Each structure stands twice: as C-alpha cells, then as structure tokens.
PDB file of N, CA and C in Angstrom:
ATOM      1  N   MET A   1      69.221-101.457 102.405  1.00  0.00           N
ATOM      2  CA  MET A   1      70.058-101.707 101.073  1.00  0.00           C
ATOM      3  C   MET A   1      68.944-101.372  99.939  1.00  0.00           C
ATOM      4  N   ASP A   2      69.458-100.366  99.269  1.00  0.00           N
ATOM      5  CA  ASP A   2      67.976 -99.943  98.084  1.00  0.00           C
ATOM      6  C   ASP A   2      68.568-100.025  96.743  1.00  0.00           C
ATOM      7  N   ASN A   3      69.887-100.058  97.008  1.00  0.00           N
ATOM      8  CA  ASN A   3      70.677-100.352  95.616  1.00  0.00           C
ATOM      9  C   ASN A   3      70.433-101.781  94.687  1.00  0.00           C
ATOM     10  N   ILE A   4      69.602-101.882  93.634  1.00  0.00           N
ATOM     11  CA  ILE A   4      69.148-103.063  93.180  1.00  0.00           C
ATOM     12  C   ILE A   4      70.324-103.539  92.735  1.00  0.00           C
ATOM     13  N   GLY A   5      71.525-103.115  92.235  1.00  0.00           N
ATOM     14  CA  GLY A   5      73.060-103.383  91.964  1.00  0.00           C
ATOM     15  C   GLY A   5      73.726-104.532  92.930  1.00  0.00           C
ATOM     16  N   GLU A   6      73.501-103.715  93.865  1.00  0.00           N
ATOM     17  CA  GLU A   6      73.871-104.569  94.912  1.00  0.00           C
ATOM     18  C   GLU A   6      73.293-105.561  95.597  1.00  0.00           C
ATOM     19  N   LYS A   7      71.830-105.680  95.361  1.00  0.00           N
ATOM     20  CA  LYS A   7      71.172-106.935  95.843  1.00  0.00           C
ATOM     21  C   LYS A   7      71.334-108.019  94.951  1.00  0.00           C
ATOM     22  N   ILE A   8      71.699-107.673  93.624  1.00  0.00           N
ATOM     23  CA  ILE A   8      71.870-108.590  92.154  1.00  0.00           C
ATOM     24  C   ILE A   8      73.403-109.466  92.584  1.00  0.00           C
ATOM     25  N   ARG A   9      74.198-108.439  93.002  1.00  0.00           N
ATOM     26  CA  ARG A   9      75.722-108.992  93.452  1.00  0.00           C
ATOM     27  C   ARG A   9      75.292-110.014  94.500  1.00  0.00           C
ATOM     28  N   ILE A  10      74.953-109.389  95.676  1.00  0.00           N
ATOM     29  CA  ILE A  10      74.881-110.494  96.887  1.00  0.00           C
ATOM     30  C   ILE A  10      74.347-111.737  96.413  1.00  0.00           C
ATOM     31  N   ARG A  11      73.081-111.435  95.435  1.00  0.00           N
ATOM     32  CA  ARG A  11      72.288-112.867  94.977  1.00  0.00           C
ATOM     33  C   ARG A  11      73.132-113.865  94.201  1.00  0.00           C
ATOM     34  N   ARG A  12      73.912-113.034  93.271  1.00  0.00           N
ATOM     35  CA  ARG A  12      74.949-113.612  92.313  1.00  0.00           C
ATOM     36  C   ARG A  12      75.719-114.467  92.680  1.00  0.00           C
ATOM     37  N   VAL A  13      76.800-114.037  93.815  1.00  0.00           N
ATOM     38  CA  VAL A  13      77.642-114.102  94.720  1.00  0.00           C
ATOM     39  C   VAL A  13      77.056-115.481  95.518  1.00  0.00           C
ATOM     40  N   THR A  14      76.041-115.416  96.117  1.00  0.00           N
ATOM     41  CA  THR A  14      75.297-116.450  97.178  1.00  0.00           C
ATOM     42  C   THR A  14      75.214-117.948  96.763  1.00  0.00           C
ATOM     43  N   LYS A  15      74.804-117.678  95.053  1.00  0.00           N
ATOM     44  CA  LYS A  15      74.239-118.631  94.269  1.00  0.00           C
ATOM     45  C   LYS A  15      75.691-119.297  93.763  1.00  0.00           C
ATOM     46  N   SER A  16      76.918-118.497  93.955  1.00  0.00           N
ATOM     47  CA  SER A  16      78.217-119.232  92.932  1.00  0.00           C
ATOM     48  C   SER A  16      78.106-118.811  91.650  1.00  0.00           C
ATOM     49  N   TYR A  17      77.720-117.871  91.213  1.00  0.00           N
ATOM     50  CA  TYR A  17      77.453-117.551  89.706  1.00  0.00           C
ATOM     51  C   TYR A  17      78.237-116.362  89.471  1.00  0.00           C
ATOM     52  N   SER A  18      79.018-116.315  88.138  1.00  0.00           N
ATOM     53  CA  SER A  18      80.258-115.602  87.832  1.00  0.00           C
ATOM     54  C   SER A  18      79.524-114.543  87.232  1.00  0.00           C
ATOM     55  N   GLN A  19      80.098-113.396  86.953  1.00  0.00           N
ATOM     56  CA  GLN A  19      79.351-112.428  85.858  1.00  0.00           C
ATOM     57  C   GLN A  19      79.367-112.915  84.290  1.00  0.00           C
ATOM     58  N   GLU A  20      80.503-113.678  84.198  1.00  0.00           N
ATOM     59  CA  GLU A  20      80.608-114.333  82.909  1.00  0.00           C
ATOM     60  C   GLU A  20      79.123-115.037  82.684  1.00  0.00           C
ATOM     61  N   TYR A  21      78.981-115.939  83.779  1.00  0.00           N
ATOM     62  CA  TYR A  21      77.381-116.696  83.579  1.00  0.00           C
ATOM     63  C   TYR A  21      76.383-115.678  83.293  1.00  0.00           C
ATOM     64  N   MET A  22      76.420-114.714  84.510  1.00  0.00           N
ATOM     65  CA  MET A  22      75.161-113.760  84.252  1.00  0.00           C
ATOM     66  C   MET A  22      75.271-113.410  82.630  1.00  0.00           C
ATOM     67  N   ALA A  23      76.039-112.627  82.569  1.00  0.00           N
ATOM     68  CA  ALA A  23      76.404-111.790  80.871  1.00  0.00           C
ATOM     69  C   ALA A  23      75.807-113.114  80.070  1.00  0.00           C
ATOM     70  N   PHE A  24      76.150-113.880  79.898  1.00  0.00           N
ATOM     71  CA  PHE A  24      75.788-115.187  78.723  1.00  0.00           C
ATOM     72  C   PHE A  24      74.411-115.440  78.818  1.00  0.00           C
ATOM     73  N   MET A  25      73.730-115.658  80.048  1.00  0.00           N
ATOM     74  CA  MET A  25      72.434-116.013  80.283  1.00  0.00           C
ATOM     75  C   MET A  25      71.483-114.783  79.561  1.00  0.00           C
ATOM     76  N   LEU A  26      71.762-113.311  79.683  1.00  0.00           N
ATOM     77  CA  LEU A  26      71.556-112.243  79.054  1.00  0.00           C
ATOM     78  C   LEU A  26      71.721-111.895  77.950  1.00  0.00           C
ATOM     79  N   ASN A  27      72.526-112.640  77.286  1.00  0.00           N
ATOM     80  CA  ASN A  27      73.036-111.955  76.062  1.00  0.00           C
ATOM     81  C   ASN A  27      73.773-110.724  76.122  1.00  0.00           C
ATOM     82  N   ILE A  28      74.443-110.312  77.057  1.00  0.00           N
ATOM     83  CA  ILE A  28      75.563-109.119  76.991  1.00  0.00           C
ATOM     84  C   ILE A  28      76.738-109.673  77.373  1.00  0.00           C
ATOM     85  N   SER A  29      77.562-108.434  77.592  1.00  0.00           N
ATOM     86  CA  SER A  29      79.183-108.705  77.196  1.00  0.00           C
ATOM     87  C   SER A  29      79.193-108.439  78.799  1.00  0.00           C
ATOM     88  N   GLN A  30      80.369-109.478  79.461  1.00  0.00           N
ATOM     89  CA  GLN A  30      80.407-108.788  80.870  1.00  0.00           C
ATOM     90  C   GLN A  30      80.410-107.861  81.533  1.00  0.00           C
ATOM     91  N   ALA A  31      81.470-106.834  81.007  1.00  0.00           N
ATOM     92  CA  ALA A  31      81.416-105.528  81.029  1.00  0.00           C
ATOM     93  C   ALA A  31      80.412-104.755  81.108  1.00  0.00           C
ATOM     94  N   ALA A  32      79.121-105.167  80.002  1.00  0.00           N
ATOM     95  CA  ALA A  32      77.841-104.654  80.309  1.00  0.00           C
ATOM     96  C   ALA A  32      77.041-105.180  81.835  1.00  0.00           C
ATOM     97  N   TYR A  33      77.440-106.054  81.793  1.00  0.00           N
ATOM     98  CA  TYR A  33      76.926-107.211  83.023  1.00  0.00           C
ATOM     99  C   TYR A  33      77.215-106.232  84.400  1.00  0.00           C
ATOM    100  N   SER A  34      78.788-106.193  84.364  1.00  0.00           N
ATOM    101  CA  SER A  34      79.040-105.465  85.577  1.00  0.00           C
ATOM    102  C   SER A  34      78.929-104.072  85.878  1.00  0.00           C
ATOM    103  N   ASN A  35      78.776-103.499  84.880  1.00  0.00           N
ATOM    104  CA  ASN A  35      77.933-101.617  84.805  1.00  0.00           C
ATOM    105  C   ASN A  35      76.250-102.122  85.412  1.00  0.00           C
ATOM    106  N   LEU A  36      75.924-102.934  85.196  1.00  0.00           N
ATOM    107  CA  LEU A  36      74.051-103.198  85.376  1.00  0.00           C
ATOM    108  C   LEU A  36      74.653-103.197  87.222  1.00  0.00           C
ATOM    109  N   GLU A  37      75.401-104.174  88.061  1.00  0.00           N
ATOM    110  CA  GLU A  37      75.495-104.289  89.215  1.00  0.00           C
ATOM    111  C   GLU A  37      76.315-102.926  89.760  1.00  0.00           C
ATOM    112  N   ARG A  38      77.119-102.163  88.980  1.00  0.00           N
ATOM    113  CA  ARG A  38      77.570-100.931  89.871  1.00  0.00           C
ATOM    114  C   ARG A  38      76.499 -99.923  89.725  1.00  0.00           C
ATOM    115  N   GLY A  39      75.554-100.187  89.001  1.00  0.00           N
ATOM    116  CA  GLY A  39      74.610 -98.956  89.065  1.00  0.00           C
ATOM    117  C   GLY A  39      74.848 -98.232  87.750  1.00  0.00           C
ATOM    118  N   GLU A  40      76.104 -98.340  87.003  1.00  0.00           N
ATOM    119  CA  GLU A  40      76.337 -97.429  85.559  1.00  0.00           C
ATOM    120  C   GLU A  40      75.562 -97.342  84.640  1.00  0.00           C
ATOM    121  N   THR A  41      74.695 -98.168  84.585  1.00  0.00           N
ATOM    122  CA  THR A  41      73.931 -98.223  83.288  1.00  0.00           C
ATOM    123  C   THR A  41      72.091 -98.921  84.068  1.00  0.00           C
ATOM    124  N   ALA A  42      71.216 -97.962  83.648  1.00  0.00           N
ATOM    125  CA  ALA A  42      70.105 -98.090  84.133  1.00  0.00           C
ATOM    126  C   ALA A  42      69.610 -99.106  83.765  1.00  0.00           C
ATOM    127  N   LEU A  43      68.651-100.069  84.717  1.00  0.00           N
ATOM    128  CA  LEU A  43      67.931-101.649  84.546  1.00  0.00           C
ATOM    129  C   LEU A  43      66.442-100.624  84.248  1.00  0.00           C
ATOM    130  N   THR A  44      66.118-101.668  83.087  1.00  0.00           N
ATOM    131  CA  THR A  44      64.942-101.646  82.410  1.00  0.00           C
ATOM    132  C   THR A  44      63.827-102.629  83.229  1.00  0.00           C
ATOM    133  N   LEU A  45      62.639-102.514  83.405  1.00  0.00           N
ATOM    134  CA  LEU A  45      61.962-103.506  84.107  1.00  0.00           C
ATOM    135  C   LEU A  45      61.951-104.755  83.396  1.00  0.00           C
ATOM    136  N   THR A  46      62.151-105.158  82.088  1.00  0.00           N
ATOM    137  CA  THR A  46      62.058-106.281  81.659  1.00  0.00           C
ATOM    138  C   THR A  46      63.739-107.027  82.030  1.00  0.00           C
ATOM    139  N   ARG A  47      64.314-106.464  82.237  1.00  0.00           N
ATOM    140  CA  ARG A  47      65.895-106.933  82.544  1.00  0.00           C
ATOM    141  C   ARG A  47      66.035-107.046  84.141  1.00  0.00           C
ATOM    142  N   VAL A  48      65.072-106.586  84.752  1.00  0.00           N
ATOM    143  CA  VAL A  48      65.268-106.641  86.061  1.00  0.00           C
ATOM    144  C   VAL A  48      64.261-108.245  86.182  1.00  0.00           C
ATOM    145  N   TYR A  49      63.131-108.449  85.196  1.00  0.00           N
ATOM    146  CA  TYR A  49      62.538-109.444  85.321  1.00  0.00           C
ATOM    147  C   TYR A  49      63.577-110.840  85.155  1.00  0.00           C
ATOM    148  N   GLU A  50      64.269-110.416  83.884  1.00  0.00           N
ATOM    149  CA  GLU A  50      65.177-111.670  83.702  1.00  0.00           C
ATOM    150  C   GLU A  50      66.528-112.073  84.166  1.00  0.00           C
ATOM    151  N   ILE A  51      66.927-110.747  84.913  1.00  0.00           N
ATOM    152  CA  ILE A  51      67.622-111.234  86.092  1.00  0.00           C
ATOM    153  C   ILE A  51      67.347-111.955  87.239  1.00  0.00           C
ATOM    154  N   ALA A  52      65.902-111.814  87.713  1.00  0.00           N
ATOM    155  CA  ALA A  52      65.463-112.350  89.092  1.00  0.00           C
ATOM    156  C   ALA A  52      65.282-113.895  88.284  1.00  0.00           C
ATOM    157  N   GLU A  53      64.806-113.605  87.515  1.00  0.00           N
ATOM    158  CA  GLU A  53      64.330-115.564  86.959  1.00  0.00           C
ATOM    159  C   GLU A  53      65.819-116.510  86.674  1.00  0.00           C
ATOM    160  N   ILE A  54      66.934-115.483  86.390  1.00  0.00           N
ATOM    161  CA  ILE A  54      68.104-116.432  85.788  1.00  0.00           C
ATOM    162  C   ILE A  54      68.471-116.692  87.880  1.00  0.00           C
ATOM    163  N   LEU A  55      68.512-115.869  88.490  1.00  0.00           N
ATOM    164  CA  LEU A  55      68.484-115.926  89.867  1.00  0.00           C
ATOM    165  C   LEU A  55      67.889-116.671  91.239  1.00  0.00           C
ATOM    166  N   GLU A  56      66.479-116.870  89.987  1.00  0.00           N
ATOM    167  CA  GLU A  56      65.619-117.901  90.975  1.00  0.00           C
ATOM    168  C   GLU A  56      65.170-117.095  92.024  1.00  0.00           C
ATOM    169  N   MET A  57      64.612-115.842  92.110  1.00  0.00           N
ATOM    170  CA  MET A  57      64.063-114.791  92.870  1.00  0.00           C
ATOM    171  C   MET A  57      62.800-114.503  92.363  1.00  0.00           C
ATOM    172  N   SER A  58      62.064-113.435  93.609  1.00  0.00           N
ATOM    173  CA  SER A  58      61.047-112.423  92.505  1.00  0.00           C
ATOM    174  C   SER A  58      61.708-111.171  92.243  1.00  0.00           C
ATOM    175  N   PRO A  59      61.453-110.845  90.859  1.00  0.00           N
ATOM    176  CA  PRO A  59      61.653-109.683  91.108  1.00  0.00           C
ATOM    177  C   PRO A  59      61.368-108.090  91.859  1.00  0.00           C
ATOM    178  N   PHE A  60      60.223-108.536  92.806  1.00  0.00           N
ATOM    179  CA  PHE A  60      59.896-107.552  93.736  1.00  0.00           C
ATOM    180  C   PHE A  60      61.048-107.409  95.048  1.00  0.00           C
ATOM    181  N   GLU A  61      61.915-108.718  95.344  1.00  0.00           N
ATOM    182  CA  GLU A  61      62.774-108.427  96.003  1.00  0.00           C
ATOM    183  C   GLU A  61      63.902-107.688  95.745  1.00  0.00           C
ATOM    184  N   LEU A  62      64.095-107.416  94.342  1.00  0.00           N
ATOM    185  CA  LEU A  62      65.113-106.333  94.026  1.00  0.00           C
ATOM    186  C   LEU A  62      64.744-105.029  94.081  1.00  0.00           C
ATOM    187  N   MET A  63      63.199-104.744  93.837  1.00  0.00           N
ATOM    188  CA  MET A  63      63.006-103.322  93.922  1.00  0.00           C
ATOM    189  C   MET A  63      63.452-102.604  95.321  1.00  0.00           C
ATOM    190  N   PRO A  64      63.593-101.451  95.408  1.00  0.00           N
ATOM    191  CA  PRO A  64      63.625-100.649  96.648  1.00  0.00           C
ATOM    192  C   PRO A  64      62.216-100.891  97.424  1.00  0.00           C
ATOM    193  N   LYS A  65      62.781-100.288  98.494  1.00  0.00           N
ATOM    194  CA  LYS A  65      61.358-100.332  99.535  1.00  0.00           C
ATOM    195  C   LYS A  65      60.629 -98.965  99.181  1.00  0.00           C
ATOM    196  N   PRO A  66      58.973 -98.866  99.406  1.00  0.00           N
ATOM    197  CA  PRO A  66      58.476 -97.860  99.258  1.00  0.00           C
ATOM    198  C   PRO A  66      59.078 -96.479 100.031  1.00  0.00           C
ATOM    199  N   LYS A  67      58.846 -95.492  99.317  1.00  0.00           N
ATOM    200  CA  LYS A  67      59.266 -94.483 100.329  1.00  0.00           C
ATOM    201  C   LYS A  67      58.009 -93.766 101.588  1.00  0.00           C
ATOM    202  N   PHE A  68      56.902 -94.176 101.305  1.00  0.00           N
ATOM    203  CA  PHE A  68      56.057 -93.725 102.150  1.00  0.00           C
ATOM    204  C   PHE A  68      55.580 -95.215 102.897  1.00  0.00           C
ATOM    205  N   GLY A  69      55.990 -95.822 103.556  1.00  0.00           N
ATOM    206  CA  GLY A  69      55.644 -96.601 104.127  1.00  0.00           C
ATOM    207  C   GLY A  69      55.641 -97.990 103.768  1.00  0.00           C
ATOM    208  N   LEU A  70      55.663 -99.087 104.493  1.00  0.00           N
ATOM    209  CA  LEU A  70      55.726-100.404 103.951  1.00  0.00           C
ATOM    210  C   LEU A  70      54.445-101.272 103.472  1.00  0.00           C
ATOM    211  N   GLY A  71      53.306-100.796 104.117  1.00  0.00           N
ATOM    212  CA  GLY A  71      52.231-101.040 103.989  1.00  0.00           C
ATOM    213  C   GLY A  71      51.031-100.254 104.942  1.00  0.00           C
ATOM    214  N   ILE A  72      49.699-100.998 105.068  1.00  0.00           N
ATOM    215  CA  ILE A  72      48.940-101.013 105.691  1.00  0.00           C
ATOM    216  C   ILE A  72      49.019-100.738 107.491  1.00  0.00           C
ATOM    217  N   ASN A  73      48.660 -99.705 108.077  1.00  0.00           N
ATOM    218  CA  ASN A  73      49.109 -99.340 109.190  1.00  0.00           C
ATOM    219  C   ASN A  73      48.112-100.478 110.039  1.00  0.00           C
ATOM    220  N   HIS A  74      47.727-101.649 110.569  1.00  0.00           N
ATOM    221  CA  HIS A  74      46.986-102.310 110.781  1.00  0.00           C
ATOM    222  C   HIS A  74      45.971-101.801 112.084  1.00  0.00           C
ATOM    223  N   VAL A  75      46.656-100.909 112.852  1.00  0.00           N
ATOM    224  CA  VAL A  75      46.332-100.453 114.337  1.00  0.00           C
ATOM    225  C   VAL A  75      45.055 -99.425 113.521  1.00  0.00           C
ATOM    226  N   ALA A  76      45.538 -98.336 112.821  1.00  0.00           N
ATOM    227  CA  ALA A  76      44.867 -97.443 112.394  1.00  0.00           C
ATOM    228  C   ALA A  76      43.694 -97.988 111.539  1.00  0.00           C
ATOM    229  N   PHE A  77      44.196 -98.925 110.660  1.00  0.00           N
ATOM    230  CA  PHE A  77      43.184 -99.761 109.750  1.00  0.00           C
ATOM    231  C   PHE A  77      41.818-100.313 110.621  1.00  0.00           C
ATOM    232  N   ILE A  78      42.130-101.049 111.898  1.00  0.00           N
ATOM    233  CA  ILE A  78      41.081-101.259 112.649  1.00  0.00           C
ATOM    234  C   ILE A  78      40.399-100.640 113.552  1.00  0.00           C
ATOM    235  N   LYS A  79      41.047 -99.517 113.956  1.00  0.00           N
ATOM    236  CA  LYS A  79      40.247 -98.423 114.350  1.00  0.00           C
ATOM    237  C   LYS A  79      39.303 -98.059 113.147  1.00  0.00           C
ATOM    238  N   THR A  80      39.438 -97.792 112.125  1.00  0.00           N
ATOM    239  CA  THR A  80      38.644 -97.023 111.234  1.00  0.00           C
ATOM    240  C   THR A  80      37.542 -97.705 111.161  1.00  0.00           C
ATOM    241  N   ILE A  81      37.714 -99.175 110.621  1.00  0.00           N
ATOM    242  CA  ILE A  81      36.875-100.223 110.553  1.00  0.00           C
ATOM    243  C   ILE A  81      35.795-100.031 112.070  1.00  0.00           C
ATOM    244  N   LYS A  82      36.334 -99.982 113.155  1.00  0.00           N
ATOM    245  CA  LYS A  82      35.195 -99.891 114.267  1.00  0.00           C
ATOM    246  C   LYS A  82      34.567 -98.729 114.477  1.00  0.00           C
ATOM    247  N   LYS A  83      35.096 -97.728 114.050  1.00  0.00           N
ATOM    248  CA  LYS A  83      34.228 -96.201 113.863  1.00  0.00           C
ATOM    249  C   LYS A  83      33.142 -96.699 112.799  1.00  0.00           C
ATOM    250  N   LEU A  84      33.768 -96.828 111.523  1.00  0.00           N
ATOM    251  CA  LEU A  84      32.260 -97.093 110.533  1.00  0.00           C
ATOM    252  C   LEU A  84      31.429 -98.203 111.198  1.00  0.00           C
ATOM    253  N   GLN A  85      31.831 -98.848 111.879  1.00  0.00           N
ATOM    254  CA  GLN A  85      31.148-100.134 112.074  1.00  0.00           C
ATOM    255  C   GLN A  85      30.281 -99.688 113.066  1.00  0.00           C
ATOM    256  N   ALA A  86      30.343 -98.435 113.991  1.00  0.00           N
ATOM    257  CA  ALA A  86      29.804 -97.886 114.896  1.00  0.00           C
ATOM    258  C   ALA A  86      28.825 -97.027 114.599  1.00  0.00           C
ATOM    259  N   THR A  87      29.332 -96.160 113.055  1.00  0.00           N
ATOM    260  CA  THR A  87      28.454 -95.099 112.697  1.00  0.00           C
ATOM    261  C   THR A  87      27.266 -95.875 111.939  1.00  0.00           C
ATOM    262  N   LEU A  88      27.672 -97.104 110.979  1.00  0.00           N
ATOM    263  CA  LEU A  88      26.859 -97.331 110.747  1.00  0.00           C
ATOM    264  C   LEU A  88      25.601 -97.922 111.630  1.00  0.00           C
ATOM    265  N   THR A  89      25.742 -98.603 112.516  1.00  0.00           N
ATOM    266  CA  THR A  89      24.826 -99.253 113.604  1.00  0.00           C
ATOM    267  C   THR A  89      24.042 -98.329 114.120  1.00  0.00           C
ATOM    268  N   ALA A  90      24.546 -96.966 114.399  1.00  0.00           N
ATOM    269  CA  ALA A  90      23.929 -95.769 114.388  1.00  0.00           C
ATOM    270  C   ALA A  90      23.223 -95.340 113.700  1.00  0.00           C
ATOM    271  N   HIS A  91      23.287 -95.403 112.187  1.00  0.00           N
ATOM    272  CA  HIS A  91      22.518 -95.145 111.392  1.00  0.00           C
ATOM    273  C   HIS A  91      21.253 -96.030 111.203  1.00  0.00           C
ATOM    274  N   VAL A  92      21.560 -97.300 111.304  1.00  0.00           N
ATOM    275  CA  VAL A  92      20.542 -98.614 111.056  1.00  0.00           C
ATOM    276  C   VAL A  92      19.582 -98.419 112.181  1.00  0.00           C
ATOM    277  N   LYS A  93      20.078 -97.859 113.419  1.00  0.00           N
ATOM    278  CA  LYS A  93      19.229 -97.849 114.512  1.00  0.00           C
ATOM    279  C   LYS A  93      18.403 -96.689 114.746  1.00  0.00           C
ATOM    280  N   ALA A  94      18.751 -95.537 114.232  1.00  0.00           N
ATOM    281  CA  ALA A  94      18.319 -94.546 113.925  1.00  0.00           C
ATOM    282  C   ALA A  94      16.978 -94.277 112.673  1.00  0.00           C
ATOM    283  N   ARG A  95      17.319 -95.049 111.586  1.00  0.00           N
ATOM    284  CA  ARG A  95      16.304 -95.433 110.795  1.00  0.00           C
ATOM    285  C   ARG A  95      15.023 -96.249 111.541  1.00  0.00           C
ATOM    286  N   LYS A  96      15.591 -97.159 112.229  1.00  0.00           N
ATOM    287  CA  LYS A  96      14.267 -98.060 112.807  1.00  0.00           C
ATOM    288  C   LYS A  96      13.656 -97.342 113.728  1.00  0.00           C
ATOM    289  N   LYS A  97      13.829 -96.217 114.028  1.00  0.00           N
ATOM    290  CA  LYS A  97      13.161 -95.331 114.968  1.00  0.00           C
ATOM    291  C   LYS A  97      12.009 -94.510 113.657  1.00  0.00           C
ATOM    292  N   LEU A  98      12.522 -94.321 112.909  1.00  0.00           N
ATOM    293  CA  LEU A  98      11.780 -93.165 112.022  1.00  0.00           C
ATOM    294  C   LEU A  98      10.569 -93.918 111.648  1.00  0.00           C
ATOM    295  N   THR A  99       9.234 -93.365 111.949  1.00  0.00           N
ATOM    296  CA  THR A  99       7.905 -93.967 111.397  1.00  0.00           C
ATOM    297  C   THR A  99       7.639 -93.451 110.201  1.00  0.00           C
ATOM    298  N   PHE A 100       6.974 -94.126 109.299  1.00  0.00           N
ATOM    299  CA  PHE A 100       6.618 -93.516 108.080  1.00  0.00           C
ATOM    300  C   PHE A 100       5.254 -93.352 107.776  1.00  0.00           C
ATOM    301  N   PRO A 101       4.705 -92.325 107.198  1.00  0.00           N
ATOM    302  CA  PRO A 101       3.354 -92.541 106.982  1.00  0.00           C
ATOM    303  C   PRO A 101       2.653 -93.370 106.508  1.00  0.00           C
ATOM    304  N   SER A 102       1.766 -94.184 106.745  1.00  0.00           N
ATOM    305  CA  SER A 102       0.926 -95.252 105.520  1.00  0.00           C
ATOM    306  C   SER A 102       0.208 -94.499 104.799  1.00  0.00           C
ATOM    307  N   ARG A 103       0.235 -94.984 103.598  1.00  0.00           N
ATOM    308  CA  ARG A 103      -0.399 -94.622 102.545  1.00  0.00           C
ATOM    309  C   ARG A 103      -1.812 -94.533 102.561  1.00  0.00           C
TER     310      ARG A 103
END
C-alpha cells in the first residue's frame, strides 16, 4: 500500500476521527480533506507532517517505500567489510616486511 491517502484514511478510521475533525484541525474544508485522502490533491511535505502529528504517528510511516530496496543488504555489507579487513591486514603485513635503508 503505497498510497499516502489510503494510509491516512486507515489511521484516521482506526483512531475514530471523522473527516470533519481532520479538516477542522488542518483548517481546511471537509471536501478539501476528502480530496487529500482520495489522492485528488497533492500533499505538501508540510501537510504530511501536520496530518501525521494529528494522527500521532511518524510522517515516515506515510511515505512510500523506496523503489530500490529497503535498506542495507547486511550479508553483502559484512562480506565487503571482511574483504576490506583482509586487504588491510595483507597491506600491513607487507609493509612490515619492507626494510628501509638507514640514514
């Protein structure tokens, strides 16, 4: 469910808030609020924060999921760290073997 309006509606109904109450809190008409929930009016970031505050939730819960993954691939991250650690260890050992001419 990536529709912000649908997420807002579900949370509003869960909290037993009417559209009239939400519109009053946002200082807009009930018709304008209804358009927000149906996605007929674009939401500004400020409005998303206002709605989230009224619904007592994080505005990030309303945002759609990222297109390109949900975060760090922990398995690949750990493998990369281990490779870097092995490479660094090899370089440190190689440097210790080097002898520098004395002055």
